[in-house]
C-alpha atoms as a PDB file:
ATOM      1  CA  MET A   1     151.287 140.799  24.192  1.00  0.00           C
ATOM      2  CA  MET A   2     148.698 139.017  26.378  1.00  0.00           C
ATOM      3  CA  PRO A   3     145.847 137.573  24.437  1.00  0.00           C
ATOM      4  CA  ARG A   4     142.454 139.154  24.722  1.00  0.00           C
ATOM      5  CA  PHE A   5     139.414 137.097  25.856  1.00  0.00           C
ATOM      6  CA  ALA A   6     135.774 137.901  25.246  1.00  0.00           C
ATOM      7  CA  THR A   7     133.800 138.814  28.410  1.00  0.00           C
ATOM      8  CA  THR A   8     130.226 138.591  29.189  1.00  0.00           C
ATOM      9  CA  GLY A   9     128.795 142.060  29.418  1.00  0.00           C
ATOM     10  CA  GLN A  10     131.609 144.431  30.204  1.00  0.00           C
ATOM     11  CA  GLU A  11     135.003 143.921  28.319  1.00  0.00           C
ATOM     12  CA  GLY A  12     138.320 144.635  29.808  1.00  0.00           C
ATOM     13  CA  ALA A  13     141.986 143.853  29.180  1.00  0.00           C
ATOM     14  CA  GLY A  14     142.970 140.561  30.874  1.00  0.00           C
ATOM     15  CA  SER A  15     139.444 139.518  31.954  1.00  0.00           C
ATOM     16  CA  MET A  16     138.091 136.084  31.309  1.00  0.00           C
ATOM     17  CA  THR A  17     134.732 134.641  30.419  1.00  0.00           C
ATOM     18  CA  MET A  18     133.185 133.449  33.797  1.00  0.00           C
ATOM     19  CA  LYS A  19     130.936 130.358  33.589  1.00  0.00           C
ATOM     20  CA  LYS A  20     127.687 130.652  35.272  1.00  0.00           C
ATOM     21  CA  LYS A  21     126.819 128.353  38.129  1.00  0.00           C
ATOM     22  CA  PRO A  22     124.069 125.683  37.361  1.00  0.00           C
ATOM     23  CA  ALA A  23     120.770 126.839  38.707  1.00  0.00           C
ATOM     24  CA  SER A  24     119.748 125.305  42.094  1.00  0.00           C
ATOM     25  CA  LYS A  25     117.811 122.174  41.764  1.00  0.00           C
ATOM     26  CA  LEU A  26     116.231 122.924  45.157  1.00  0.00           C
ATOM     27  CA  GLY A  27     113.813 125.398  43.608  1.00  0.00           C
ATOM     28  CA  PRO A  28     113.109 129.012  44.471  1.00  0.00           C
ATOM     29  CA  GLY A  29     113.594 130.139  48.087  1.00  0.00           C
ATOM     30  CA  LYS A  30     115.940 127.208  49.067  1.00  0.00           C
ATOM     31  CA  LYS A  31     119.431 127.778  50.282  1.00  0.00           C
ATOM     32  CA  THR A  32     122.360 125.755  49.116  1.00  0.00           C
ATOM     33  CA  GLY A  33     125.368 124.654  51.151  1.00  0.00           C
ATOM     34  CA  ARG A  34     123.120 123.277  54.157  1.00  0.00           C
ATOM     35  CA  LEU A  35     122.331 119.661  54.944  1.00  0.00           C
ATOM     36  CA  LEU A  36     118.704 118.988  54.318  1.00  0.00           C
ATOM     37  CA  GLU A  37     116.990 117.496  57.467  1.00  0.00           C
ATOM     38  CA  THR A  38     114.633 114.690  57.441  1.00  0.00           C
ATOM     39  CA  PRO A  39     111.508 114.804  59.695  1.00  0.00           C
ATOM     40  CA  GLN A  40     113.414 112.514  62.092  1.00  0.00           C
ATOM     41  CA  MET A  41     116.458 114.815  62.235  1.00  0.00           C
ATOM     42  CA  ARG A  42     114.665 117.977  62.779  1.00  0.00           C
ATOM     43  CA  ARG A  43     114.968 119.308  66.449  1.00  0.00           C
ATOM     44  CA  ARG A  44     112.038 120.879  68.225  1.00  0.00           C
ATOM     45  CA  PRO A  45     113.596 123.294  70.587  1.00  0.00           C
ATOM     46  CA  GLU A  46     110.242 124.109  72.350  1.00  0.00           C
ATOM     47  CA  HIS A  47     109.720 120.254  72.958  1.00  0.00           C
ATOM     48  CA  SER A  48     113.214 119.719  74.155  1.00  0.00           C
ATOM     49  CA  ALA A  49     113.064 122.648  76.594  1.00  0.00           C
ATOM     50  CA  ALA A  50     109.693 121.297  77.978  1.00  0.00           C
ATOM     51  CA  TYR A  51     111.060 117.821  78.340  1.00  0.00           C
ATOM     52  CA  GLU A  52     114.229 119.084  80.186  1.00  0.00           C
ATOM     53  CA  ALA A  53     111.869 121.139  82.581  1.00  0.00           C
ATOM     54  CA  THR A  54     109.777 118.021  83.254  1.00  0.00           C
ATOM     55  CA  LEU A  55     112.784 115.998  83.869  1.00  0.00           C
ATOM     56  CA  LYS A  56     114.107 118.530  86.236  1.00  0.00           C
ATOM     57  CA  ASP A  57     110.708 118.296  88.245  1.00  0.00           C
ATOM     58  CA  TYR A  58     111.042 114.533  88.175  1.00  0.00           C
ATOM     59  CA  THR A  59     114.490 114.698  89.733  1.00  0.00           C
ATOM     60  CA  ALA A  60     113.329 117.049  92.270  1.00  0.00           C
ATOM     61  CA  ALA A  61     110.435 114.850  93.225  1.00  0.00           C
ATOM     62  CA  LEU A  62     113.011 111.882  93.659  1.00  0.00           C
ATOM     63  CA  GLU A  63     114.936 114.087  96.132  1.00  0.00           C
ATOM     64  CA  LEU A  64     111.695 114.709  98.131  1.00  0.00           C
ATOM     65  CA  VAL A  65     111.275 110.988  98.378  1.00  0.00           C
ATOM     66  CA  HIS A  66     114.656 110.600  99.716  1.00  0.00           C
ATOM     67  CA  ARG A  67     113.965 113.168 102.238  1.00  0.00           C
ATOM     68  CA  GLY A  68     110.835 111.487 103.205  1.00  0.00           C
ATOM     69  CA  ASP A  69     108.532 114.267 102.141  1.00  0.00           C
ATOM     70  CA  TYR A  70     105.976 111.929 100.396  1.00  0.00           C
ATOM     71  CA  ALA A  71     103.156 114.537 100.207  1.00  0.00           C
ATOM     72  CA  ALA A  72     105.193 117.081  98.252  1.00  0.00           C
ATOM     73  CA  ALA A  73     106.770 114.318  96.158  1.00  0.00           C
ATOM     74  CA  LEU A  74     103.323 112.889  95.293  1.00  0.00           C
ATOM     75  CA  GLU A  75     102.081 116.279  93.985  1.00  0.00           C
ATOM     76  CA  ARG A  76     105.333 116.654  91.959  1.00  0.00           C
ATOM     77  CA  PHE A  77     105.088 113.198  90.354  1.00  0.00           C
ATOM     78  CA  ARG A  78     101.509 113.776  89.418  1.00  0.00           C
ATOM     79  CA  SER A  79     102.485 116.976  87.733  1.00  0.00           C
ATOM     80  CA  VAL A  80     105.287 115.162  85.940  1.00  0.00           C
ATOM     81  CA  GLU A  81     102.860 112.374  84.786  1.00  0.00           C
ATOM     82  CA  LYS A  82     100.599 114.973  83.280  1.00  0.00           C
ATOM     83  CA  ALA A  83     103.424 116.946  81.559  1.00  0.00           C
ATOM     84  CA  ALA A  84     105.189 113.861  80.101  1.00  0.00           C
ATOM     85  CA  ALA A  85     102.111 112.754  78.158  1.00  0.00           C
ATOM     86  CA  GLU A  86     104.380 112.435  75.052  1.00  0.00           C
ATOM     87  CA  GLU A  87     107.061 110.650  76.980  1.00  0.00           C
ATOM     88  CA  PRO A  88     105.557 107.245  78.057  1.00  0.00           C
ATOM     89  CA  GLU A  89     108.670 106.021  79.786  1.00  0.00           C
ATOM     90  CA  LEU A  90     108.975 109.122  82.061  1.00  0.00           C
ATOM     91  CA  ALA A  91     105.320 109.152  82.592  1.00  0.00           C
ATOM     92  CA  GLU A  92     105.222 105.542  83.728  1.00  0.00           C
ATOM     93  CA  ARG A  93     108.157 106.202  86.197  1.00  0.00           C
ATOM     94  CA  ALA A  94     106.380 109.080  87.634  1.00  0.00           C
ATOM     95  CA  ARG A  95     103.178 106.999  87.973  1.00  0.00           C
ATOM     96  CA  THR A  96     104.994 104.263  89.744  1.00  0.00           C
ATOM     97  CA  TYR A  97     106.552 106.704  92.260  1.00  0.00           C
ATOM     98  CA  ALA A  98     103.258 108.470  92.726  1.00  0.00           C
ATOM     99  CA  ALA A  99     101.695 105.069  93.790  1.00  0.00           C
ATOM    100  CA  LEU A 100     104.574 104.497  96.139  1.00  0.00           C
ATOM    101  CA  CYS A 101     104.019 107.895  97.774  1.00  0.00           C
ATOM    102  CA  THR A 102     100.295 107.192  98.100  1.00  0.00           C
ATOM    103  CA  ARG A 103     101.075 103.895  99.973  1.00  0.00           C
ATOM    104  CA  ARG A 104     103.494 105.676 102.294  1.00  0.00           C
ATOM    105  CA  LEU A 105     100.974 108.359 103.081  1.00  0.00           C
ATOM    106  CA  ALA A 106      98.042 105.916 103.779  1.00  0.00           C
ATOM    107  CA  PRO A 107      97.361 105.501 107.476  1.00  0.00           C
ATOM    108  CA  SER A 108      98.597 102.354 109.012  1.00  0.00           C
ATOM    109  CA  ALA A 109      95.919  99.837 109.797  1.00  0.00           C
ATOM    110  CA  PRO A 110      95.551  99.429 113.589  1.00  0.00           C
ATOM    111  CA  ARG A 111      96.686  96.198 115.049  1.00  0.00           C
ATOM    112  CA  PRO A 112      93.643  93.990 115.835  1.00  0.00           C
ATOM    113  CA  GLU A 113      92.810  93.772 119.641  1.00  0.00           C
ATOM    114  CA  THR A 114      91.094  90.477 119.634  1.00  0.00           C
ATOM    115  CA  ALA A 115      92.518  86.878 119.059  1.00  0.00           C
ATOM    116  CA  GLU A 116      90.294  86.382 116.253  1.00  0.00           C
ATOM    117  CA  GLY A 117      91.422  89.606 114.448  1.00  0.00           C
ATOM    118  CA  CYS A 118      95.156  88.786 115.026  1.00  0.00           C
ATOM    119  CA  TYR A 119      94.681  85.275 113.775  1.00  0.00           C
ATOM    120  CA  HIS A 120      92.890  86.253 110.591  1.00  0.00           C
ATOM    121  CA  LEU A 121      95.560  89.138 109.787  1.00  0.00           C
ATOM    122  CA  GLY A 122      98.307  86.741 110.643  1.00  0.00           C
ATOM    123  CA  VAL A 123      96.845  84.268 107.946  1.00  0.00           C
ATOM    124  CA  VAL A 124      96.889  87.074 105.484  1.00  0.00           C
ATOM    125  CA  ARG A 125     100.401  88.160 106.251  1.00  0.00           C
ATOM    126  CA  THR A 126     101.452  84.504 105.820  1.00  0.00           C
ATOM    127  CA  ASN A 127      99.969  84.380 102.445  1.00  0.00           C
ATOM    128  CA  GLU A 128     101.658  87.683 101.555  1.00  0.00           C
ATOM    129  CA  GLY A 129     105.030  86.167 102.615  1.00  0.00           C
ATOM    130  CA  LYS A 130     105.413  88.688 105.516  1.00  0.00           C
ATOM    131  CA  LEU A 131     106.321  85.795 107.958  1.00  0.00           C
ATOM    132  CA  ASP A 132     107.858  87.816 110.777  1.00  0.00           C
ATOM    133  CA  GLU A 133     104.832  89.991 110.982  1.00  0.00           C
ATOM    134  CA  ALA A 134     102.593  86.867 110.817  1.00  0.00           C
ATOM    135  CA  VAL A 135     104.455  85.090 113.677  1.00  0.00           C
ATOM    136  CA  SER A 136     104.108  88.342 115.729  1.00  0.00           C
ATOM    137  CA  LEU A 137     100.308  88.418 115.174  1.00  0.00           C
ATOM    138  CA  PHE A 138      99.947  84.713 116.035  1.00  0.00           C
ATOM    139  CA  ASP A 139     101.982  85.452 119.230  1.00  0.00           C
ATOM    140  CA  ALA A 140      99.497  88.105 120.082  1.00  0.00           C
ATOM    141  CA  ALA A 141      96.484  85.911 119.386  1.00  0.00           C
ATOM    142  CA  LEU A 142      97.988  83.226 121.723  1.00  0.00           C
ATOM    143  CA  ARG A 143      98.426  85.584 124.442  1.00  0.00           C
ATOM    144  CA  LEU A 144      94.699  86.464 124.210  1.00  0.00           C
ATOM    145  CA  GLU A 145      93.715  82.822 123.460  1.00  0.00           C
ATOM    146  CA  PRO A 146      96.296  80.505 125.025  1.00  0.00           C
ATOM    147  CA  GLY A 147      96.467  77.007 123.777  1.00  0.00           C
ATOM    148  CA  SER A 148      94.368  77.630 120.623  1.00  0.00           C
ATOM    149  CA  SER A 149      95.005  74.658 118.297  1.00  0.00           C
ATOM    150  CA  ARG A 150      94.202  76.724 115.113  1.00  0.00           C
ATOM    151  CA  VAL A 151      96.547  79.517 116.106  1.00  0.00           C
ATOM    152  CA  LEU A 152      99.338  77.094 117.101  1.00  0.00           C
ATOM    153  CA  TYR A 153      98.947  75.444 113.793  1.00  0.00           C
ATOM    154  CA  ALA A 154      99.061  78.638 111.908  1.00  0.00           C
ATOM    155  CA  ARG A 155     102.214  79.762 113.724  1.00  0.00           C
ATOM    156  CA  ALA A 156     103.680  76.335 113.018  1.00  0.00           C
ATOM    157  CA  SER A 157     103.045  76.683 109.293  1.00  0.00           C
ATOM    158  CA  ALA A 158     104.582  80.194 109.270  1.00  0.00           C
ATOM    159  CA  ARG A 159     107.710  79.016 111.111  1.00  0.00           C
ATOM    160  CA  ALA A 160     107.935  76.124 108.734  1.00  0.00           C
ATOM    161  CA  LEU A 161     108.005  78.527 105.861  1.00  0.00           C
ATOM    162  CA  GLN A 162     110.852  80.335 107.566  1.00  0.00           C
ATOM    163  CA  GLY A 163     112.658  77.077 107.808  1.00  0.00           C
ATOM    164  CA  ALA A 164     112.630  77.156 111.637  1.00  0.00           C
ATOM    165  CA  THR A 165     112.165  73.476 112.232  1.00  0.00           C
ATOM    166  CA  ALA A 166     112.331  73.182 116.013  1.00  0.00           C
ATOM    167  CA  ALA A 167     109.844  76.136 116.602  1.00  0.00           C
ATOM    168  CA  ALA A 168     107.462  74.797 114.104  1.00  0.00           C
ATOM    169  CA  VAL A 169     107.547  71.265 115.242  1.00  0.00           C
ATOM    170  CA  ALA A 170     106.979  72.459 118.770  1.00  0.00           C
ATOM    171  CA  ASP A 171     103.984  74.541 117.735  1.00  0.00           C
ATOM    172  CA  LEU A 172     102.552  71.618 115.563  1.00  0.00           C
ATOM    173  CA  ARG A 173     102.976  69.119 118.474  1.00  0.00           C
ATOM    174  CA  GLN A 174     100.872  71.264 120.711  1.00  0.00           C
ATOM    175  CA  ALA A 175      98.356  71.778 118.048  1.00  0.00           C
ATOM    176  CA  VAL A 176      98.010  68.102 117.343  1.00  0.00           C
ATOM    177  CA  ALA A 177      97.796  67.249 120.988  1.00  0.00           C
ATOM    178  CA  ALA A 178      94.827  69.728 121.224  1.00  0.00           C
ATOM    179  CA  ASP A 179      93.215  68.559 118.030  1.00  0.00           C
ATOM    180  CA  PRO A 180      94.591  65.160 116.525  1.00  0.00           C
ATOM    181  CA  ARG A 181      92.793  65.951 113.182  1.00  0.00           C
ATOM    182  CA  LEU A 182      95.639  68.534 112.500  1.00  0.00           C
ATOM    183  CA  ARG A 183      98.036  65.762 112.028  1.00  0.00           C
ATOM    184  CA  TYR A 184      96.514  64.649 108.813  1.00  0.00           C
ATOM    185  CA  GLN A 185      96.223  68.269 107.695  1.00  0.00           C
ATOM    186  CA  ALA A 186      99.859  68.949 108.310  1.00  0.00           C
ATOM    187  CA  ALA A 187     100.801  65.744 106.307  1.00  0.00           C
ATOM    188  CA  ASN A 188      99.275  67.407 103.149  1.00  0.00           C
ATOM    189  CA  ASP A 189     100.038  70.973 103.745  1.00  0.00           C
ATOM    190  CA  PRO A 190     102.564  72.412 101.384  1.00  0.00           C
ATOM    191  CA  ASP A 191     103.456  75.005 104.064  1.00  0.00           C
ATOM    192  CA  PHE A 192     105.478  72.434 105.812  1.00  0.00           C
ATOM    193  CA  GLU A 193     107.415  71.357 102.604  1.00  0.00           C
ATOM    194  CA  LYS A 194     110.829  72.812 103.875  1.00  0.00           C
ATOM    195  CA  ILE A 195     110.762  70.589 106.967  1.00  0.00           C
ATOM    196  CA  ARG A 196     108.848  67.671 105.725  1.00  0.00           C
ATOM    197  CA  ASP A 197     111.950  65.291 105.669  1.00  0.00           C
ATOM    198  CA  GLU A 198     113.087  66.368 109.154  1.00  0.00           C
ATOM    199  CA  ALA A 199     112.881  63.607 111.732  1.00  0.00           C
ATOM    200  CA  ALA A 200     111.121  65.737 114.234  1.00  0.00           C
ATOM    201  CA  PHE A 201     108.319  66.560 111.786  1.00  0.00           C
ATOM    202  CA  ILE A 202     108.028  63.026 110.761  1.00  0.00           C
ATOM    203  CA  ASP A 203     107.578  62.019 114.423  1.00  0.00           C
ATOM    204  CA  VAL A 204     104.648  64.307 114.920  1.00  0.00           C
ATOM    205  CA  ILE A 205     102.897  63.066 111.645  1.00  0.00           C
ATOM    206  CA  GLU A 206     103.787  59.455 112.024  1.00  0.00           C
ATOM    207  CA  PRO A 207     104.266  58.876 115.816  1.00  0.00           C
ATOM    208  CA  THR A 208     106.089  55.775 116.916  1.00  0.00           C
ATOM    209  CA  PRO A 209     103.564  53.496 118.727  1.00  0.00           C
ATOM    210  CA  THR A 210     103.923  53.298 122.410  1.00  0.00           C
ATOM    211  CA  GLY A 211     106.081  50.249 123.453  1.00  0.00           C
ATOM    212  CA  ALA A 212     107.477  49.849 119.954  1.00  0.00           C
END
């Protein structure tokens, strides 16, 4: 004969006493069996969707840049910058590309039509490191004002920065012939540092006395 066990509530043959599960320590209204999320682990679907949409706009703006449509790209990047206020990295990238588009859309400054204008812009381009453009501007200035010692000197310095020794020395020799004071200026001018040890440059700065 099978032993009989007491039951809780309703009795029946072969039934056993069932132990009650301990009360949840989570308190009322909390469900068990689910990992509790910390604030850092919680996902915000609405934020994620907004970010994905903004990222999609950013990618589309990049495509416009690659196609050369800077006006449309600029509008997109500005929109992305506003939408990505809570995403500093994305906002900064959008801001950088917006600035690039703005520069590309800016009208090019007209080339100066006077020797004076070409000379001054050439000096600016030399200081910016845009040496090819600087030399071109000095060429234009010399066509308008042939033999100008200051323009020849400026072109010599730009060519020296390029490392074009022969061309720089030729310009400097002409400049010094027109204005001997430029010899001493060139001797201390850091623009000529690349060619300072070249024999041709030294011969201009420290000419061999006639009959030596």
